[in-house]
C-alpha cells in the first residue's frame, strides 16, 4: 500500500506541474472549442447529404451517425496523446539520459504528464464543446451505458498512451522518427473510426481490424457511448466488447514493456 500511495503522489505531482505548464498556453487548447464544432458541422452536412431519403446506411441511422461524430470529437479530447513526440524528442536530443538516471520510470512519468494534460483538455476542450453540442446543436450527448462508457474511455486513454509510447520508442533505433509518426497518425485517423465509421470499410478489412489497436483507440468507446457495437457483421453486447478492449490494452501494455527493455539497449545518448 505504501508503494501504491507513493506512486499516486508522484503521479499527482507530475500531473499538477504539467497542468500548470500547459495552462500557460491554454489558448492553444481553446482553439479546439472552434475546431471541434466546425469539424462536426462539416460531418453533419456530408452525412445528411449521403443519407438523402434513406433511413439508414450500413445499419446506422442518421441520428446515430450524428451522435457518433459528436461522441468521437468529445472522446478524442479525453484520450489524445503526445507521448510519441515527447519521447522521440528526448531521445534525439540526448535528454532521455537524465530520465535513465532518475529513480522513476520514464513511461510512468510520461503517463503522469498525460493525466495532467488531459485534465486541462477536460476543462478547456471537453466541457465547452459538450455544452455547444447539447445546447446549440441539440444533440443528445448522454451515453446509454454511462458506467461501461466511462470504463471504455479509460481503456482508450490507456491504449492511446501505450501505442504512442511504443511508437516513440522507434526513435531508439532511428533517432528521428517523425516520418513514422506521420504515417501512423494517418493510419490511426482512418482505421480508428475518426474520419468514417469502420462499418463502411470492406468486410475483410473490418475483420482484420479486430487484431489491430486502432478500433480500441476511438471506435469502440464511441460505439459503447451510442449503446450498440457492430463490426465485420458481428454485433456484440457492450460488456463483451469492453472486455475485448481490456484484453487488447493488457496485451499492448505487455508489448510496451518488452519493446522498452529491447529499446533501452540501443540508447547511445545522441546529443547529450
C-alpha atoms as a PDB file:
ATOM      1  CA  UNK A   1       0.000   0.000   0.000  1.00  0.00           C
ATOM      2  CA  UNK A   2       2.877   2.352   0.789  1.00  0.00           C
ATOM      3  CA  UNK A   3       4.304   1.747  -2.686  1.00  0.00           C
ATOM      4  CA  UNK A   4       0.946   2.476  -4.318  1.00  0.00           C
ATOM      5  CA  UNK A   5       0.453   5.655  -2.283  1.00  0.00           C
ATOM      6  CA  UNK A   6       3.914   6.798  -3.308  1.00  0.00           C
ATOM      7  CA  UNK A   7       3.129   6.191  -6.974  1.00  0.00           C
ATOM      8  CA  UNK A   8      -0.126   8.104  -6.680  1.00  0.00           C
ATOM      9  CA  UNK A   9       1.638  11.039  -5.012  1.00  0.00           C
ATOM     10  CA  UNK A  10       4.274  11.105  -7.753  1.00  0.00           C
ATOM     11  CA  UNK A  11       1.589  10.993 -10.438  1.00  0.00           C
ATOM     12  CA  UNK A  12      -0.344  13.830  -8.788  1.00  0.00           C
ATOM     13  CA  UNK A  13       2.806  15.955  -8.550  1.00  0.00           C
ATOM     14  CA  UNK A  14       3.832  15.415 -12.176  1.00  0.00           C
ATOM     15  CA  UNK A  15       0.264  15.846 -13.438  1.00  0.00           C
ATOM     16  CA  UNK A  16      -0.116  19.101 -11.499  1.00  0.00           C
ATOM     17  CA  UNK A  17       3.146  20.518 -12.860  1.00  0.00           C
ATOM     18  CA  UNK A  18       2.141  19.515 -16.395  1.00  0.00           C
ATOM     19  CA  UNK A  19      -1.279  21.111 -15.937  1.00  0.00           C
ATOM     20  CA  UNK A  20       0.275  24.364 -14.753  1.00  0.00           C
ATOM     21  CA  UNK A  21       2.839  24.331 -17.553  1.00  0.00           C
ATOM     22  CA  UNK A  22       0.306  23.788 -20.315  1.00  0.00           C
ATOM     23  CA  UNK A  23      -2.285  26.116 -18.771  1.00  0.00           C
ATOM     24  CA  UNK A  24       0.087  28.936 -19.665  1.00  0.00           C
ATOM     25  CA  UNK A  25      -0.735  28.037 -23.269  1.00  0.00           C
ATOM     26  CA  UNK A  26      -4.404  27.254 -22.706  1.00  0.00           C
ATOM     27  CA  UNK A  27      -5.392  29.383 -25.718  1.00  0.00           C
ATOM     28  CA  UNK A  28      -3.943  26.529 -27.776  1.00  0.00           C
ATOM     29  CA  UNK A  29      -6.485  24.181 -26.203  1.00  0.00           C
ATOM     30  CA  UNK A  30      -9.286  26.713 -26.520  1.00  0.00           C
ATOM     31  CA  UNK A  31      -8.815  26.734 -30.295  1.00  0.00           C
ATOM     32  CA  UNK A  32     -10.354  23.257 -30.192  1.00  0.00           C
ATOM     33  CA  UNK A  33     -13.579  24.851 -28.973  1.00  0.00           C
ATOM     34  CA  UNK A  34     -13.933  26.172 -32.522  1.00  0.00           C
ATOM     35  CA  UNK A  35     -12.192  23.369 -34.430  1.00  0.00           C
ATOM     36  CA  UNK A  36     -14.348  20.626 -32.910  1.00  0.00           C
ATOM     37  CA  UNK A  37     -17.727  22.164 -33.747  1.00  0.00           C
ATOM     38  CA  UNK A  38     -16.555  23.167 -37.250  1.00  0.00           C
ATOM     39  CA  UNK A  39     -15.429  19.580 -37.907  1.00  0.00           C
ATOM     40  CA  UNK A  40     -18.787  18.367 -36.611  1.00  0.00           C
ATOM     41  CA  UNK A  41     -20.745  20.761 -38.853  1.00  0.00           C
ATOM     42  CA  UNK A  42     -18.812  19.520 -41.897  1.00  0.00           C
ATOM     43  CA  UNK A  43     -19.595  15.916 -40.986  1.00  0.00           C
ATOM     44  CA  UNK A  44     -23.243  16.828 -40.391  1.00  0.00           C
ATOM     45  CA  UNK A  45     -23.736  18.231 -43.894  1.00  0.00           C
ATOM     46  CA  UNK A  46     -21.750  15.422 -45.542  1.00  0.00           C
ATOM     47  CA  UNK A  47     -23.750  12.652 -43.912  1.00  0.00           C
ATOM     48  CA  UNK A  48     -27.096  14.416 -44.235  1.00  0.00           C
ATOM     49  CA  UNK A  49     -26.460  14.585 -47.979  1.00  0.00           C
ATOM     50  CA  UNK A  50     -25.222  10.977 -48.056  1.00  0.00           C
ATOM     51  CA  UNK A  51     -28.357   9.662 -46.355  1.00  0.00           C
ATOM     52  CA  UNK A  52     -30.780  11.630 -48.542  1.00  0.00           C
ATOM     53  CA  UNK A  53     -34.158   9.932 -48.166  1.00  0.00           C
ATOM     54  CA  UNK A  54     -32.693   6.753 -46.707  1.00  0.00           C
ATOM     55  CA  UNK A  55     -33.305   5.905 -43.069  1.00  0.00           C
ATOM     56  CA  UNK A  56     -30.009   4.080 -42.526  1.00  0.00           C
ATOM     57  CA  UNK A  57     -26.627   3.247 -44.035  1.00  0.00           C
ATOM     58  CA  UNK A  58     -24.711   0.114 -43.059  1.00  0.00           C
ATOM     59  CA  UNK A  59     -27.021  -0.366 -40.103  1.00  0.00           C
ATOM     60  CA  UNK A  60     -26.595   3.181 -38.767  1.00  0.00           C
ATOM     61  CA  UNK A  61     -29.432   5.715 -38.708  1.00  0.00           C
ATOM     62  CA  UNK A  62     -28.699   9.388 -39.384  1.00  0.00           C
ATOM     63  CA  UNK A  63     -29.321  10.356 -35.752  1.00  0.00           C
ATOM     64  CA  UNK A  64     -26.898   7.660 -34.617  1.00  0.00           C
ATOM     65  CA  UNK A  65     -24.332   8.900 -37.127  1.00  0.00           C
ATOM     66  CA  UNK A  66     -24.617  12.460 -35.823  1.00  0.00           C
ATOM     67  CA  UNK A  67     -24.232  11.224 -32.253  1.00  0.00           C
ATOM     68  CA  UNK A  68     -21.270   9.108 -33.389  1.00  0.00           C
ATOM     69  CA  UNK A  69     -19.274  12.097 -34.611  1.00  0.00           C
ATOM     70  CA  UNK A  70     -20.243  14.206 -31.612  1.00  0.00           C
ATOM     71  CA  UNK A  71     -19.062  11.475 -29.254  1.00  0.00           C
ATOM     72  CA  UNK A  72     -15.926  10.897 -31.346  1.00  0.00           C
ATOM     73  CA  UNK A  73     -14.965  14.551 -31.009  1.00  0.00           C
ATOM     74  CA  UNK A  74     -15.568  14.666 -27.254  1.00  0.00           C
ATOM     75  CA  UNK A  75     -13.814  11.380 -26.503  1.00  0.00           C
ATOM     76  CA  UNK A  76     -10.884  12.488 -28.629  1.00  0.00           C
ATOM     77  CA  UNK A  77     -10.379  15.424 -26.261  1.00  0.00           C
ATOM     78  CA  UNK A  78     -10.032  12.992 -23.351  1.00  0.00           C
ATOM     79  CA  UNK A  79      -7.762  10.415 -24.981  1.00  0.00           C
ATOM     80  CA  UNK A  80      -5.441  12.328 -27.331  1.00  0.00           C
ATOM     81  CA  UNK A  81      -1.763  11.622 -26.739  1.00  0.00           C
ATOM     82  CA  UNK A  82       1.647  13.172 -27.390  1.00  0.00           C
ATOM     83  CA  UNK A  83       3.915  10.566 -25.742  1.00  0.00           C
ATOM     84  CA  UNK A  84       5.497   9.587 -29.070  1.00  0.00           C
ATOM     85  CA  UNK A  85       6.513  13.165 -29.927  1.00  0.00           C
ATOM     86  CA  UNK A  86       7.862  13.837 -26.445  1.00  0.00           C
ATOM     87  CA  UNK A  87       9.834  10.592 -26.243  1.00  0.00           C
ATOM     88  CA  UNK A  88      11.454  10.890 -29.652  1.00  0.00           C
ATOM     89  CA  UNK A  89      12.443  14.474 -28.837  1.00  0.00           C
ATOM     90  CA  UNK A  90      14.127  13.378 -25.608  1.00  0.00           C
ATOM     91  CA  UNK A  91      15.979  10.578 -27.387  1.00  0.00           C
ATOM     92  CA  UNK A  92      17.056  12.733 -30.331  1.00  0.00           C
ATOM     93  CA  UNK A  93      18.439  15.483 -28.082  1.00  0.00           C
ATOM     94  CA  UNK A  94      20.001  13.089 -25.578  1.00  0.00           C
ATOM     95  CA  UNK A  95      17.883  14.443 -22.733  1.00  0.00           C
ATOM     96  CA  UNK A  96      16.452  10.970 -22.163  1.00  0.00           C
ATOM     97  CA  UNK A  97      19.718  10.244 -20.352  1.00  0.00           C
ATOM     98  CA  UNK A  98      18.530  12.311 -17.391  1.00  0.00           C
ATOM     99  CA  UNK A  99      15.443  10.109 -17.090  1.00  0.00           C
ATOM    100  CA  UNK A 100      17.520   6.947 -17.359  1.00  0.00           C
ATOM    101  CA  UNK A 101      19.358   8.082 -14.217  1.00  0.00           C
ATOM    102  CA  UNK A 102      16.251   9.009 -12.224  1.00  0.00           C
ATOM    103  CA  UNK A 103      14.506   6.656  -9.779  1.00  0.00           C
ATOM    104  CA  UNK A 104      11.303   6.884 -11.831  1.00  0.00           C
ATOM    105  CA  UNK A 105      10.462   5.009 -14.996  1.00  0.00           C
ATOM    106  CA  UNK A 106      10.083   7.474 -17.861  1.00  0.00           C
ATOM    107  CA  UNK A 107       6.944   5.722 -19.091  1.00  0.00           C
ATOM    108  CA  UNK A 108       5.263   6.337 -15.741  1.00  0.00           C
ATOM    109  CA  UNK A 109       6.454   9.955 -15.842  1.00  0.00           C
ATOM    110  CA  UNK A 110       5.060  10.357 -19.373  1.00  0.00           C
ATOM    111  CA  UNK A 111       1.753   8.780 -18.325  1.00  0.00           C
ATOM    112  CA  UNK A 112       1.506  11.209 -15.399  1.00  0.00           C
ATOM    113  CA  UNK A 113       2.160  14.061 -17.820  1.00  0.00           C
ATOM    114  CA  UNK A 114      -0.711  12.858 -19.972  1.00  0.00           C
ATOM    115  CA  UNK A 115      -3.053  12.807 -16.971  1.00  0.00           C
ATOM    116  CA  UNK A 116      -2.290  16.457 -16.247  1.00  0.00           C
ATOM    117  CA  UNK A 117      -2.529  17.431 -19.903  1.00  0.00           C
ATOM    118  CA  UNK A 118      -5.903  15.740 -20.374  1.00  0.00           C
ATOM    119  CA  UNK A 119      -7.313  17.303 -17.198  1.00  0.00           C
ATOM    120  CA  UNK A 120      -6.576  20.579 -18.938  1.00  0.00           C
ATOM    121  CA  UNK A 121      -8.302  19.207 -22.045  1.00  0.00           C
ATOM    122  CA  UNK A 122     -11.311  18.223 -19.966  1.00  0.00           C
ATOM    123  CA  UNK A 123     -11.710  21.768 -18.667  1.00  0.00           C
ATOM    124  CA  UNK A 124     -10.897  23.815 -21.765  1.00  0.00           C
ATOM    125  CA  UNK A 125     -11.966  21.450 -24.577  1.00  0.00           C
ATOM    126  CA  UNK A 126     -14.375  18.715 -23.490  1.00  0.00           C
ATOM    127  CA  UNK A 127     -16.737  20.676 -21.249  1.00  0.00           C
ATOM    128  CA  UNK A 128     -17.182  23.739 -23.529  1.00  0.00           C
ATOM    129  CA  UNK A 129     -17.721  21.558 -26.621  1.00  0.00           C
ATOM    130  CA  UNK A 130     -20.133  19.336 -24.718  1.00  0.00           C
ATOM    131  CA  UNK A 131     -22.349  22.327 -23.997  1.00  0.00           C
ATOM    132  CA  UNK A 132     -22.004  23.546 -27.586  1.00  0.00           C
ATOM    133  CA  UNK A 133     -23.167  20.177 -28.925  1.00  0.00           C
ATOM    134  CA  UNK A 134     -26.050  19.810 -26.470  1.00  0.00           C
ATOM    135  CA  UNK A 135     -27.314  23.399 -26.233  1.00  0.00           C
ATOM    136  CA  UNK A 136     -26.507  24.775 -29.693  1.00  0.00           C
ATOM    137  CA  UNK A 137     -26.780  21.695 -31.916  1.00  0.00           C
ATOM    138  CA  UNK A 138     -29.410  19.993 -29.735  1.00  0.00           C
ATOM    139  CA  UNK A 139     -27.650  16.622 -29.784  1.00  0.00           C
ATOM    140  CA  UNK A 140     -28.472  14.096 -27.099  1.00  0.00           C
ATOM    141  CA  UNK A 141     -24.933  13.569 -25.799  1.00  0.00           C
ATOM    142  CA  UNK A 142     -25.739  11.208 -22.935  1.00  0.00           C
ATOM    143  CA  UNK A 143     -24.269   7.679 -23.141  1.00  0.00           C
ATOM    144  CA  UNK A 144     -26.741   4.816 -22.959  1.00  0.00           C
ATOM    145  CA  UNK A 145     -24.464   2.920 -20.604  1.00  0.00           C
ATOM    146  CA  UNK A 146     -22.615   5.503 -18.540  1.00  0.00           C
ATOM    147  CA  UNK A 147     -20.530   3.068 -16.494  1.00  0.00           C
ATOM    148  CA  UNK A 148     -19.406   0.993 -19.482  1.00  0.00           C
ATOM    149  CA  UNK A 149     -18.713   4.158 -21.467  1.00  0.00           C
ATOM    150  CA  UNK A 150     -16.542   5.532 -18.668  1.00  0.00           C
ATOM    151  CA  UNK A 151     -14.609   2.263 -18.497  1.00  0.00           C
ATOM    152  CA  UNK A 152     -14.211   2.088 -22.278  1.00  0.00           C
ATOM    153  CA  UNK A 153     -12.943   5.677 -22.449  1.00  0.00           C
ATOM    154  CA  UNK A 154     -10.448   4.894 -19.666  1.00  0.00           C
ATOM    155  CA  UNK A 155      -9.226   1.864 -21.635  1.00  0.00           C
ATOM    156  CA  UNK A 156      -8.975   4.008 -24.782  1.00  0.00           C
ATOM    157  CA  UNK A 157      -6.955   6.501 -22.731  1.00  0.00           C
ATOM    158  CA  UNK A 158      -4.518   3.715 -21.844  1.00  0.00           C
ATOM    159  CA  UNK A 159      -4.461   2.282 -25.364  1.00  0.00           C
ATOM    160  CA  UNK A 160      -3.667   5.649 -26.912  1.00  0.00           C
ATOM    161  CA  UNK A 161      -0.855   6.237 -24.445  1.00  0.00           C
ATOM    162  CA  UNK A 162       0.829   2.843 -24.754  1.00  0.00           C
ATOM    163  CA  UNK A 163       0.515   2.694 -28.536  1.00  0.00           C
ATOM    164  CA  UNK A 164       2.023   6.160 -28.894  1.00  0.00           C
ATOM    165  CA  UNK A 165       4.748   5.346 -26.395  1.00  0.00           C
ATOM    166  CA  UNK A 166       5.630   2.238 -28.403  1.00  0.00           C
ATOM    167  CA  UNK A 167       5.712   4.429 -31.495  1.00  0.00           C
ATOM    168  CA  UNK A 168       8.013   6.883 -29.720  1.00  0.00           C
ATOM    169  CA  UNK A 169      10.408   4.057 -28.856  1.00  0.00           C
ATOM    170  CA  UNK A 170      11.225   3.621 -32.549  1.00  0.00           C
ATOM    171  CA  UNK A 171      13.491   6.644 -32.009  1.00  0.00           C
ATOM    172  CA  UNK A 172      15.845   4.355 -30.061  1.00  0.00           C
ATOM    173  CA  UNK A 173      16.620   2.717 -33.405  1.00  0.00           C
ATOM    174  CA  UNK A 174      16.070   5.552 -35.893  1.00  0.00           C
ATOM    175  CA  UNK A 175      16.772   8.632 -33.696  1.00  0.00           C
ATOM    176  CA  UNK A 176      14.482  10.722 -35.933  1.00  0.00           C
ATOM    177  CA  UNK A 177      11.094   9.003 -36.188  1.00  0.00           C
ATOM    178  CA  UNK A 178       8.881  11.901 -37.282  1.00  0.00           C
ATOM    179  CA  UNK A 179       8.157  10.222 -40.628  1.00  0.00           C
ATOM    180  CA  UNK A 180       6.945   7.067 -38.914  1.00  0.00           C
ATOM    181  CA  UNK A 181       4.796   9.172 -36.613  1.00  0.00           C
ATOM    182  CA  UNK A 182       3.135  10.983 -39.521  1.00  0.00           C
ATOM    183  CA  UNK A 183       2.329   7.718 -41.284  1.00  0.00           C
ATOM    184  CA  UNK A 184       0.931   6.258 -38.076  1.00  0.00           C
ATOM    185  CA  UNK A 185      -1.217   9.332 -37.386  1.00  0.00           C
ATOM    186  CA  UNK A 186      -2.761   8.991 -40.851  1.00  0.00           C
ATOM    187  CA  UNK A 187      -3.447   5.274 -40.409  1.00  0.00           C
ATOM    188  CA  UNK A 188      -4.795   5.876 -36.928  1.00  0.00           C
ATOM    189  CA  UNK A 189      -7.197   8.563 -38.123  1.00  0.00           C
ATOM    190  CA  UNK A 190      -8.552   6.270 -40.834  1.00  0.00           C
ATOM    191  CA  UNK A 191      -8.674   2.915 -39.040  1.00  0.00           C
ATOM    192  CA  UNK A 192      -9.725   4.124 -35.590  1.00  0.00           C
ATOM    193  CA  UNK A 193     -13.002   5.436 -36.984  1.00  0.00           C
ATOM    194  CA  UNK A 194     -12.277   9.140 -36.550  1.00  0.00           C
ATOM    195  CA  UNK A 195     -12.907  10.029 -40.202  1.00  0.00           C
ATOM    196  CA  UNK A 196     -15.547   7.411 -41.023  1.00  0.00           C
ATOM    197  CA  UNK A 197     -17.237   4.612 -39.039  1.00  0.00           C
ATOM    198  CA  UNK A 198     -15.425   1.326 -39.538  1.00  0.00           C
ATOM    199  CA  UNK A 199     -18.576  -0.457 -40.706  1.00  0.00           C
ATOM    200  CA  UNK A 200     -18.146   1.331 -44.052  1.00  0.00           C
ATOM    201  CA  UNK A 201     -14.879  -0.500 -44.799  1.00  0.00           C
ATOM    202  CA  UNK A 202     -14.699  -3.791 -46.756  1.00  0.00           C
ATOM    203  CA  UNK A 203     -15.676  -6.829 -44.702  1.00  0.00           C
ATOM    204  CA  UNK A 204     -12.224  -8.391 -44.849  1.00  0.00           C
ATOM    205  CA  UNK A 205     -10.598  -5.245 -43.523  1.00  0.00           C
ATOM    206  CA  UNK A 206     -13.168  -4.967 -40.759  1.00  0.00           C
ATOM    207  CA  UNK A 207     -12.273  -8.482 -39.578  1.00  0.00           C
ATOM    208  CA  UNK A 208      -8.561  -7.646 -39.628  1.00  0.00           C
ATOM    209  CA  UNK A 209      -9.158  -4.536 -37.514  1.00  0.00           C
ATOM    210  CA  UNK A 210     -10.174  -6.700 -34.550  1.00  0.00           C
ATOM    211  CA  UNK A 211      -6.494  -7.682 -34.270  1.00  0.00           C
ATOM    212  CA  UNK A 212      -5.112  -4.158 -34.604  1.00  0.00           C
ATOM    213  CA  UNK A 213      -5.037  -1.450 -31.898  1.00  0.00           C
ATOM    214  CA  UNK A 214      -6.844   1.215 -33.924  1.00  0.00           C
ATOM    215  CA  UNK A 215     -10.514   0.369 -33.162  1.00  0.00           C
ATOM    216  CA  UNK A 216      -9.822   0.246 -29.431  1.00  0.00           C
ATOM    217  CA  UNK A 217      -8.438   3.790 -29.522  1.00  0.00           C
ATOM    218  CA  UNK A 218     -11.649   5.506 -30.683  1.00  0.00           C
ATOM    219  CA  UNK A 219     -14.257   3.386 -32.470  1.00  0.00           C
ATOM    220  CA  UNK A 220     -15.026   1.065 -29.562  1.00  0.00           C
ATOM    221  CA  UNK A 221     -15.607   3.764 -26.896  1.00  0.00           C
ATOM    222  CA  UNK A 222     -17.677   5.803 -29.354  1.00  0.00           C
ATOM    223  CA  UNK A 223     -19.890   2.806 -30.174  1.00  0.00           C
ATOM    224  CA  UNK A 224     -20.180   1.968 -26.468  1.00  0.00           C
ATOM    225  CA  UNK A 225     -21.331   5.560 -25.994  1.00  0.00           C
ATOM    226  CA  UNK A 226     -24.081   5.046 -28.601  1.00  0.00           C
ATOM    227  CA  UNK A 227     -25.129   1.795 -26.905  1.00  0.00           C
ATOM    228  CA  UNK A 228     -24.612  -0.535 -29.875  1.00  0.00           C
ATOM    229  CA  UNK A 229     -21.493  -2.204 -31.251  1.00  0.00           C
ATOM    230  CA  UNK A 230     -21.123  -3.794 -34.665  1.00  0.00           C
ATOM    231  CA  UNK A 231     -18.062  -4.586 -36.765  1.00  0.00           C
ATOM    232  CA  UNK A 232     -17.454  -7.120 -39.551  1.00  0.00           C
ATOM    233  CA  UNK A 233     -21.103  -8.137 -39.348  1.00  0.00           C
ATOM    234  CA  UNK A 234     -20.644  -9.109 -35.687  1.00  0.00           C
ATOM    235  CA  UNK A 235     -22.871  -7.495 -33.098  1.00  0.00           C
ATOM    236  CA  UNK A 236     -21.539  -7.683 -29.548  1.00  0.00           C
ATOM    237  CA  UNK A 237     -23.012  -6.918 -26.189  1.00  0.00           C
ATOM    238  CA  UNK A 238     -21.433  -3.849 -24.610  1.00  0.00           C
ATOM    239  CA  UNK A 239     -19.760  -5.773 -21.729  1.00  0.00           C
ATOM    240  CA  UNK A 240     -18.269  -8.207 -24.265  1.00  0.00           C
ATOM    241  CA  UNK A 241     -16.633  -5.595 -26.470  1.00  0.00           C
ATOM    242  CA  UNK A 242     -15.360  -3.641 -23.446  1.00  0.00           C
ATOM    243  CA  UNK A 243     -13.857  -6.893 -22.151  1.00  0.00           C
ATOM    244  CA  UNK A 244     -12.195  -7.461 -25.519  1.00  0.00           C
ATOM    245  CA  UNK A 245     -10.895  -3.902 -25.388  1.00  0.00           C
ATOM    246  CA  UNK A 246      -9.444  -4.616 -21.950  1.00  0.00           C
ATOM    247  CA  UNK A 247      -7.619  -7.686 -23.292  1.00  0.00           C
ATOM    248  CA  UNK A 248      -6.199  -5.611 -26.162  1.00  0.00           C
ATOM    249  CA  UNK A 249      -4.969  -2.975 -23.691  1.00  0.00           C
ATOM    250  CA  UNK A 250      -3.357  -5.601 -21.454  1.00  0.00           C
ATOM    251  CA  UNK A 251      -1.548  -7.099 -24.452  1.00  0.00           C
ATOM    252  CA  UNK A 252      -0.336  -3.637 -25.521  1.00  0.00           C
ATOM    253  CA  UNK A 253       0.990  -2.910 -22.029  1.00  0.00           C
ATOM    254  CA  UNK A 254       2.974  -6.153 -22.027  1.00  0.00           C
ATOM    255  CA  UNK A 255       4.247  -5.445 -25.537  1.00  0.00           C
ATOM    256  CA  UNK A 256       5.329  -1.984 -24.426  1.00  0.00           C
ATOM    257  CA  UNK A 257       7.426  -3.466 -21.616  1.00  0.00           C
ATOM    258  CA  UNK A 258       9.088  -5.991 -23.920  1.00  0.00           C
ATOM    259  CA  UNK A 259       9.923  -3.329 -26.505  1.00  0.00           C
ATOM    260  CA  UNK A 260      11.191  -0.939 -23.831  1.00  0.00           C
ATOM    261  CA  UNK A 261      13.667  -3.498 -22.487  1.00  0.00           C
ATOM    262  CA  UNK A 262      14.926  -4.144 -26.025  1.00  0.00           C
ATOM    263  CA  UNK A 263      14.963  -0.441 -26.918  1.00  0.00           C
ATOM    264  CA  UNK A 264      16.925   0.842 -23.943  1.00  0.00           C
ATOM    265  CA  UNK A 265      19.898  -1.244 -25.105  1.00  0.00           C
ATOM    266  CA  UNK A 266      20.052   0.909 -28.252  1.00  0.00           C
ATOM    267  CA  UNK A 267      20.141   4.263 -26.470  1.00  0.00           C
ATOM    268  CA  UNK A 268      23.512   5.935 -27.056  1.00  0.00           C
ATOM    269  CA  UNK A 269      22.811   9.422 -25.708  1.00  0.00           C
ATOM    270  CA  UNK A 270      22.887  11.211 -29.072  1.00  0.00           C
ATOM    271  CA  UNK A 271      23.016  14.991 -28.496  1.00  0.00           C
ATOM    272  CA  UNK A 272      23.819  14.681 -24.798  1.00  0.00           C
END
